[in-house]
């Protein structure tokens, strides 16, 4: 069942991000304040999003297994706690690279929400 949990969490995470970043006001804001890497096809970018979600789901499943935790509640709490990491990294991007605070906050929200969803789904389905 853990593999099903990882697969479902990966897909849901991807869909969540697609909906978030596809929302017209969000898409417009991101379009104004970020620059895609030139020459990277959209399909490759989407595959990278799926791969990052898969790695996150595997990590959450592994940590839950190692800790002996079960259930959606424990998984969601773990995902929420892990959300501190991308938030801290994005804070560094604001301070050191001049990334606009709202853009970093959007990306942080995306990761915190995805990690919480991933944790809940892996915990529930594993």
N, C-alpha and C. Protein backbone atom coordinates (compact mmCIF):
# COMPACT_ATOMS: atom_id res chain seq x y z
N UNK A 1 0.81 -1.21 0.00
CA UNK A 1 0.00 0.00 0.00
C UNK A 1 0.85 1.27 0.00
N UNK A 2 2.07 1.19 0.54
CA UNK A 2 2.90 2.39 0.59
C UNK A 2 3.21 2.91 -0.81
N UNK A 3 3.40 2.02 -1.77
CA UNK A 3 3.67 2.46 -3.14
C UNK A 3 2.46 3.18 -3.74
N UNK A 4 1.28 2.70 -3.40
CA UNK A 4 0.06 3.37 -3.86
C UNK A 4 -0.03 4.76 -3.24
N UNK A 5 0.27 4.84 -1.94
CA UNK A 5 0.27 6.14 -1.26
C UNK A 5 1.25 7.11 -1.89
N UNK A 6 2.44 6.63 -2.20
CA UNK A 6 3.46 7.48 -2.84
C UNK A 6 2.98 7.94 -4.21
N UNK A 7 2.42 7.02 -4.99
CA UNK A 7 1.94 7.36 -6.33
C UNK A 7 0.80 8.38 -6.28
N UNK A 8 -0.17 8.13 -5.42
CA UNK A 8 -1.31 9.04 -5.31
C UNK A 8 -0.84 10.41 -4.82
N UNK A 9 0.02 10.43 -3.82
CA UNK A 9 0.52 11.69 -3.28
C UNK A 9 1.29 12.48 -4.34
N UNK A 10 2.05 11.78 -5.16
CA UNK A 10 2.81 12.44 -6.22
C UNK A 10 1.87 13.10 -7.22
N UNK A 11 0.85 12.38 -7.65
CA UNK A 11 -0.11 12.92 -8.62
C UNK A 11 -0.89 14.09 -8.03
N UNK A 12 -1.39 13.93 -6.81
CA UNK A 12 -2.17 15.00 -6.17
C UNK A 12 -1.30 16.24 -5.98
N UNK A 13 -0.05 16.05 -5.59
CA UNK A 13 0.87 17.17 -5.42
C UNK A 13 1.05 17.93 -6.74
N UNK A 14 1.24 17.19 -7.82
CA UNK A 14 1.40 17.81 -9.14
C UNK A 14 0.15 18.58 -9.52
N UNK A 15 -1.01 17.97 -9.34
CA UNK A 15 -2.27 18.62 -9.70
C UNK A 15 -2.48 19.88 -8.86
N UNK A 16 -2.16 19.80 -7.55
CA UNK A 16 -2.29 20.97 -6.68
C UNK A 16 -1.48 22.13 -7.23
N UNK A 17 -0.21 21.87 -7.56
CA UNK A 17 0.65 22.94 -8.09
C UNK A 17 0.14 23.46 -9.43
N UNK A 18 -0.33 22.57 -10.28
CA UNK A 18 -0.84 22.99 -11.59
C UNK A 18 -2.04 23.91 -11.42
N UNK A 19 -2.93 23.58 -10.50
CA UNK A 19 -4.10 24.42 -10.25
C UNK A 19 -3.67 25.75 -9.64
N UNK A 20 -2.78 25.71 -8.65
CA UNK A 20 -2.32 26.93 -8.00
C UNK A 20 -1.67 27.88 -9.01
N UNK A 21 -0.67 27.38 -9.72
CA UNK A 21 0.07 28.24 -10.65
C UNK A 21 -0.71 28.53 -11.93
N UNK A 22 -1.76 27.76 -12.20
CA UNK A 22 -2.60 28.02 -13.36
C UNK A 22 -3.73 29.00 -13.09
N UNK A 23 -3.96 29.32 -11.82
CA UNK A 23 -4.98 30.31 -11.47
C UNK A 23 -4.57 31.66 -12.07
N UNK A 24 -5.46 32.31 -12.82
CA UNK A 24 -5.05 33.52 -13.56
C UNK A 24 -4.27 34.57 -12.77
N UNK A 25 -4.70 34.97 -11.56
CA UNK A 25 -3.91 36.00 -10.87
C UNK A 25 -2.51 35.50 -10.49
N UNK A 26 -2.42 34.24 -10.11
CA UNK A 26 -1.12 33.67 -9.73
C UNK A 26 -0.24 33.55 -10.97
N UNK A 27 -0.80 33.04 -12.05
CA UNK A 27 -0.03 32.89 -13.29
C UNK A 27 0.47 34.25 -13.77
N UNK A 28 -0.36 35.28 -13.68
CA UNK A 28 0.04 36.62 -14.11
C UNK A 28 1.17 37.14 -13.23
N UNK A 29 1.04 36.97 -11.92
CA UNK A 29 2.08 37.46 -11.01
C UNK A 29 3.40 36.74 -11.25
N UNK A 30 3.36 35.43 -11.32
CA UNK A 30 4.58 34.66 -11.55
C UNK A 30 5.19 35.04 -12.89
N UNK A 31 4.36 35.22 -13.90
CA UNK A 31 4.86 35.61 -15.22
C UNK A 31 5.58 36.95 -15.22
N UNK A 32 5.13 37.86 -14.36
CA UNK A 32 5.76 39.18 -14.27
C UNK A 32 7.06 39.16 -13.46
N UNK A 33 7.18 38.22 -12.53
CA UNK A 33 8.28 38.27 -11.57
C UNK A 33 9.27 37.12 -11.63
N UNK A 34 9.16 36.27 -12.62
CA UNK A 34 10.13 35.18 -12.73
C UNK A 34 10.45 34.95 -14.21
N UNK A 35 11.58 34.35 -14.43
CA UNK A 35 12.03 34.10 -15.80
C UNK A 35 12.30 32.61 -15.96
N UNK A 36 11.54 31.94 -16.82
CA UNK A 36 11.82 30.51 -17.05
C UNK A 36 13.20 30.33 -17.68
N UNK A 37 13.79 29.19 -17.42
CA UNK A 37 15.09 28.89 -18.03
C UNK A 37 14.90 28.77 -19.54
N UNK A 38 15.69 29.50 -20.30
CA UNK A 38 15.54 29.41 -21.76
C UNK A 38 15.92 28.03 -22.28
N UNK A 39 15.15 27.58 -23.26
CA UNK A 39 15.46 26.32 -23.92
C UNK A 39 14.99 25.08 -23.20
N UNK A 40 14.31 25.23 -22.06
CA UNK A 40 13.80 24.06 -21.34
C UNK A 40 12.33 23.88 -21.72
N UNK A 41 12.02 22.81 -22.44
CA UNK A 41 10.63 22.59 -22.87
C UNK A 41 9.68 22.44 -21.67
N UNK A 42 8.44 22.83 -21.88
CA UNK A 42 7.43 22.74 -20.83
C UNK A 42 7.31 21.31 -20.33
N UNK A 43 7.39 20.33 -21.21
CA UNK A 43 7.28 18.92 -20.80
C UNK A 43 8.39 18.55 -19.82
N UNK A 44 9.58 19.06 -20.04
CA UNK A 44 10.70 18.79 -19.13
C UNK A 44 10.46 19.47 -17.79
N UNK A 45 9.95 20.70 -17.83
CA UNK A 45 9.64 21.41 -16.59
C UNK A 45 8.58 20.65 -15.79
N UNK A 46 7.55 20.16 -16.46
CA UNK A 46 6.49 19.41 -15.76
C UNK A 46 7.03 18.10 -15.20
N UNK A 47 7.90 17.43 -15.96
CA UNK A 47 8.51 16.20 -15.47
C UNK A 47 9.34 16.47 -14.22
N UNK A 48 9.99 17.62 -14.18
CA UNK A 48 10.77 17.99 -12.99
C UNK A 48 9.87 18.20 -11.78
N UNK A 49 8.70 18.79 -12.00
CA UNK A 49 7.74 18.98 -10.91
C UNK A 49 7.27 17.62 -10.38
N UNK A 50 6.96 16.71 -11.28
CA UNK A 50 6.54 15.36 -10.87
C UNK A 50 7.67 14.67 -10.11
N UNK A 51 8.89 14.79 -10.61
CA UNK A 51 10.04 14.14 -9.96
C UNK A 51 10.26 14.70 -8.55
N UNK A 52 10.15 16.01 -8.38
CA UNK A 52 10.31 16.59 -7.04
C UNK A 52 9.22 16.10 -6.10
N UNK A 53 8.01 16.01 -6.60
CA UNK A 53 6.90 15.51 -5.77
C UNK A 53 7.11 14.04 -5.40
N UNK A 54 7.61 13.26 -6.34
CA UNK A 54 7.89 11.85 -6.08
C UNK A 54 8.97 11.71 -5.01
N UNK A 55 10.03 12.48 -5.12
CA UNK A 55 11.10 12.43 -4.11
C UNK A 55 10.56 12.82 -2.74
N UNK A 56 9.74 13.86 -2.69
CA UNK A 56 9.15 14.29 -1.42
C UNK A 56 8.26 13.20 -0.84
N UNK A 57 7.46 12.55 -1.66
CA UNK A 57 6.57 11.49 -1.18
C UNK A 57 7.37 10.29 -0.66
N UNK A 58 8.44 9.94 -1.35
CA UNK A 58 9.29 8.84 -0.88
C UNK A 58 9.94 9.20 0.45
N UNK A 59 10.42 10.44 0.56
CA UNK A 59 11.04 10.89 1.82
C UNK A 59 10.04 10.83 2.97
N UNK A 60 8.85 11.35 2.76
CA UNK A 60 7.83 11.34 3.81
C UNK A 60 7.50 9.90 4.20
N UNK A 61 7.31 9.03 3.23
CA UNK A 61 7.01 7.63 3.52
C UNK A 61 8.14 6.99 4.31
N UNK A 62 9.38 7.25 3.92
CA UNK A 62 10.52 6.69 4.63
C UNK A 62 10.62 7.20 6.06
N UNK A 63 10.41 8.48 6.26
CA UNK A 63 10.46 9.04 7.62
C UNK A 63 9.33 8.50 8.49
N UNK A 64 8.15 8.37 7.91
CA UNK A 64 7.03 7.82 8.68
C UNK A 64 7.31 6.38 9.07
N UNK A 65 7.85 5.61 8.15
CA UNK A 65 8.18 4.21 8.44
C UNK A 65 9.26 4.13 9.52
N UNK A 66 10.30 4.94 9.39
CA UNK A 66 11.40 4.91 10.36
C UNK A 66 10.93 5.30 11.75
N UNK A 67 9.99 6.23 11.83
CA UNK A 67 9.48 6.69 13.12
C UNK A 67 8.37 5.79 13.66
N UNK A 68 7.86 4.89 12.83
CA UNK A 68 6.76 4.04 13.25
C UNK A 68 5.43 4.78 13.32
N UNK A 69 5.31 5.85 12.55
CA UNK A 69 4.08 6.64 12.55
C UNK A 69 3.13 6.12 11.50
N UNK A 70 1.84 6.23 11.79
CA UNK A 70 0.80 5.79 10.86
C UNK A 70 -0.33 6.81 10.86
N UNK A 71 -1.05 6.85 9.78
CA UNK A 71 -2.26 7.65 9.70
C UNK A 71 -2.07 9.00 9.04
N UNK A 72 -3.19 9.51 8.56
CA UNK A 72 -3.19 10.78 7.84
C UNK A 72 -2.78 11.94 8.75
N UNK A 73 -3.21 11.91 10.01
CA UNK A 73 -2.87 13.01 10.92
C UNK A 73 -1.36 13.11 11.13
N UNK A 74 -0.73 11.98 11.43
CA UNK A 74 0.72 11.97 11.64
C UNK A 74 1.45 12.39 10.37
N UNK A 75 0.97 11.92 9.23
CA UNK A 75 1.60 12.27 7.96
C UNK A 75 1.47 13.75 7.65
N UNK A 76 0.28 14.30 7.88
CA UNK A 76 0.07 15.73 7.63
C UNK A 76 0.95 16.57 8.54
N UNK A 77 1.05 16.17 9.80
CA UNK A 77 1.90 16.91 10.74
C UNK A 77 3.36 16.84 10.33
N UNK A 78 3.81 15.68 9.90
CA UNK A 78 5.19 15.55 9.42
C UNK A 78 5.40 16.43 8.19
N UNK A 79 4.48 16.40 7.24
CA UNK A 79 4.60 17.23 6.05
C UNK A 79 4.63 18.71 6.40
N UNK A 80 3.79 19.12 7.33
CA UNK A 80 3.76 20.51 7.76
C UNK A 80 5.10 20.90 8.39
N UNK A 81 5.64 20.02 9.23
CA UNK A 81 6.94 20.29 9.85
C UNK A 81 8.05 20.37 8.80
N UNK A 82 8.02 19.48 7.82
CA UNK A 82 9.02 19.51 6.75
C UNK A 82 8.90 20.77 5.90
N UNK A 83 7.74 21.39 5.90
CA UNK A 83 7.54 22.62 5.15
C UNK A 83 8.41 23.77 5.62
N UNK A 84 8.97 23.65 6.82
CA UNK A 84 9.89 24.67 7.32
C UNK A 84 11.13 24.75 6.42
N UNK A 85 11.56 23.62 5.88
CA UNK A 85 12.79 23.59 5.08
C UNK A 85 12.70 24.43 3.81
N UNK A 86 11.72 24.21 2.94
CA UNK A 86 11.66 25.08 1.76
C UNK A 86 11.38 26.54 2.12
N UNK A 87 10.62 26.76 3.20
CA UNK A 87 10.36 28.14 3.61
C UNK A 87 11.67 28.83 4.01
N UNK A 88 12.53 28.12 4.72
CA UNK A 88 13.83 28.70 5.11
C UNK A 88 14.71 28.95 3.89
N UNK A 89 14.71 28.02 2.96
CA UNK A 89 15.51 28.19 1.75
C UNK A 89 15.00 29.39 0.94
N UNK A 90 13.70 29.52 0.83
CA UNK A 90 13.13 30.64 0.09
C UNK A 90 13.38 31.97 0.79
N UNK A 91 13.42 31.96 2.12
CA UNK A 91 13.78 33.18 2.86
C UNK A 91 15.20 33.61 2.49
N UNK A 92 16.08 32.65 2.33
CA UNK A 92 17.44 32.95 1.89
C UNK A 92 17.46 33.56 0.50
N UNK A 93 16.59 33.08 -0.37
CA UNK A 93 16.52 33.64 -1.73
C UNK A 93 16.05 35.09 -1.69
N UNK A 94 15.18 35.42 -0.76
CA UNK A 94 14.72 36.80 -0.61
C UNK A 94 15.88 37.68 -0.14
N UNK A 95 16.59 37.22 0.88
CA UNK A 95 17.66 38.02 1.48
C UNK A 95 18.87 38.13 0.56
N UNK A 96 19.29 37.03 -0.03
CA UNK A 96 20.56 37.01 -0.75
C UNK A 96 20.43 37.22 -2.26
N UNK A 97 19.27 36.94 -2.83
CA UNK A 97 19.13 37.01 -4.29
C UNK A 97 18.11 38.04 -4.75
N UNK A 98 17.45 38.69 -3.79
CA UNK A 98 16.50 39.73 -4.15
C UNK A 98 15.20 39.23 -4.73
N UNK A 99 14.85 37.98 -4.46
CA UNK A 99 13.56 37.45 -4.92
C UNK A 99 12.45 38.22 -4.20
N UNK A 100 11.43 38.68 -4.91
CA UNK A 100 10.35 39.41 -4.24
C UNK A 100 9.68 38.55 -3.15
N UNK A 101 9.39 39.18 -2.03
CA UNK A 101 8.77 38.47 -0.90
C UNK A 101 7.48 37.76 -1.32
N UNK A 102 6.56 38.42 -2.05
CA UNK A 102 5.33 37.71 -2.42
C UNK A 102 5.58 36.48 -3.29
N UNK A 103 6.58 36.53 -4.16
CA UNK A 103 6.89 35.37 -4.99
C UNK A 103 7.43 34.23 -4.14
N UNK A 104 8.33 34.55 -3.23
CA UNK A 104 8.87 33.53 -2.33
C UNK A 104 7.77 32.97 -1.44
N UNK A 105 6.87 33.83 -0.97
CA UNK A 105 5.76 33.37 -0.13
C UNK A 105 4.84 32.43 -0.91
N UNK A 106 4.61 32.73 -2.17
CA UNK A 106 3.80 31.86 -3.01
C UNK A 106 4.44 30.48 -3.15
N UNK A 107 5.74 30.46 -3.46
CA UNK A 107 6.45 29.19 -3.59
C UNK A 107 6.48 28.44 -2.25
N UNK A 108 6.66 29.17 -1.15
CA UNK A 108 6.67 28.53 0.17
C UNK A 108 5.30 27.92 0.46
N UNK A 109 4.23 28.68 0.17
CA UNK A 109 2.88 28.14 0.37
C UNK A 109 2.68 26.87 -0.45
N UNK A 110 3.13 26.90 -1.70
CA UNK A 110 3.00 25.73 -2.57
C UNK A 110 3.65 24.52 -1.91
N UNK A 111 4.89 24.67 -1.44
CA UNK A 111 5.59 23.53 -0.85
C UNK A 111 5.02 23.10 0.49
N UNK A 112 4.63 24.06 1.32
CA UNK A 112 4.05 23.69 2.62
C UNK A 112 2.75 22.93 2.41
N UNK A 113 1.90 23.43 1.51
CA UNK A 113 0.64 22.75 1.23
C UNK A 113 0.88 21.37 0.62
N UNK A 114 1.81 21.30 -0.35
CA UNK A 114 2.09 20.01 -0.99
C UNK A 114 2.65 19.00 0.00
N UNK A 115 3.57 19.42 0.84
CA UNK A 115 4.14 18.49 1.82
C UNK A 115 3.09 18.01 2.81
N UNK A 116 2.19 18.91 3.20
CA UNK A 116 1.11 18.51 4.11
C UNK A 116 0.17 17.52 3.42
N UNK A 117 -0.18 17.79 2.17
CA UNK A 117 -1.01 16.86 1.39
C UNK A 117 -0.31 15.52 1.20
N UNK A 118 0.95 15.57 0.82
CA UNK A 118 1.72 14.34 0.62
C UNK A 118 1.74 13.53 1.90
N UNK A 119 2.02 14.18 3.02
CA UNK A 119 2.06 13.47 4.30
C UNK A 119 0.73 12.83 4.64
N UNK A 120 -0.34 13.59 4.47
CA UNK A 120 -1.67 13.05 4.79
C UNK A 120 -2.01 11.86 3.90
N UNK A 121 -1.73 11.97 2.62
CA UNK A 121 -2.06 10.88 1.70
C UNK A 121 -1.19 9.65 1.91
N UNK A 122 0.10 9.86 2.10
CA UNK A 122 0.99 8.72 2.37
C UNK A 122 0.59 8.05 3.68
N UNK A 123 0.31 8.86 4.71
CA UNK A 123 -0.10 8.29 5.99
C UNK A 123 -1.41 7.54 5.91
N UNK A 124 -2.32 8.04 5.13
CA UNK A 124 -3.64 7.42 5.00
C UNK A 124 -3.58 6.14 4.18
N UNK A 125 -2.82 6.16 3.09
CA UNK A 125 -2.83 5.03 2.16
C UNK A 125 -1.73 4.00 2.40
N UNK A 126 -0.77 4.33 3.23
CA UNK A 126 0.35 3.39 3.46
C UNK A 126 -0.02 2.30 4.44
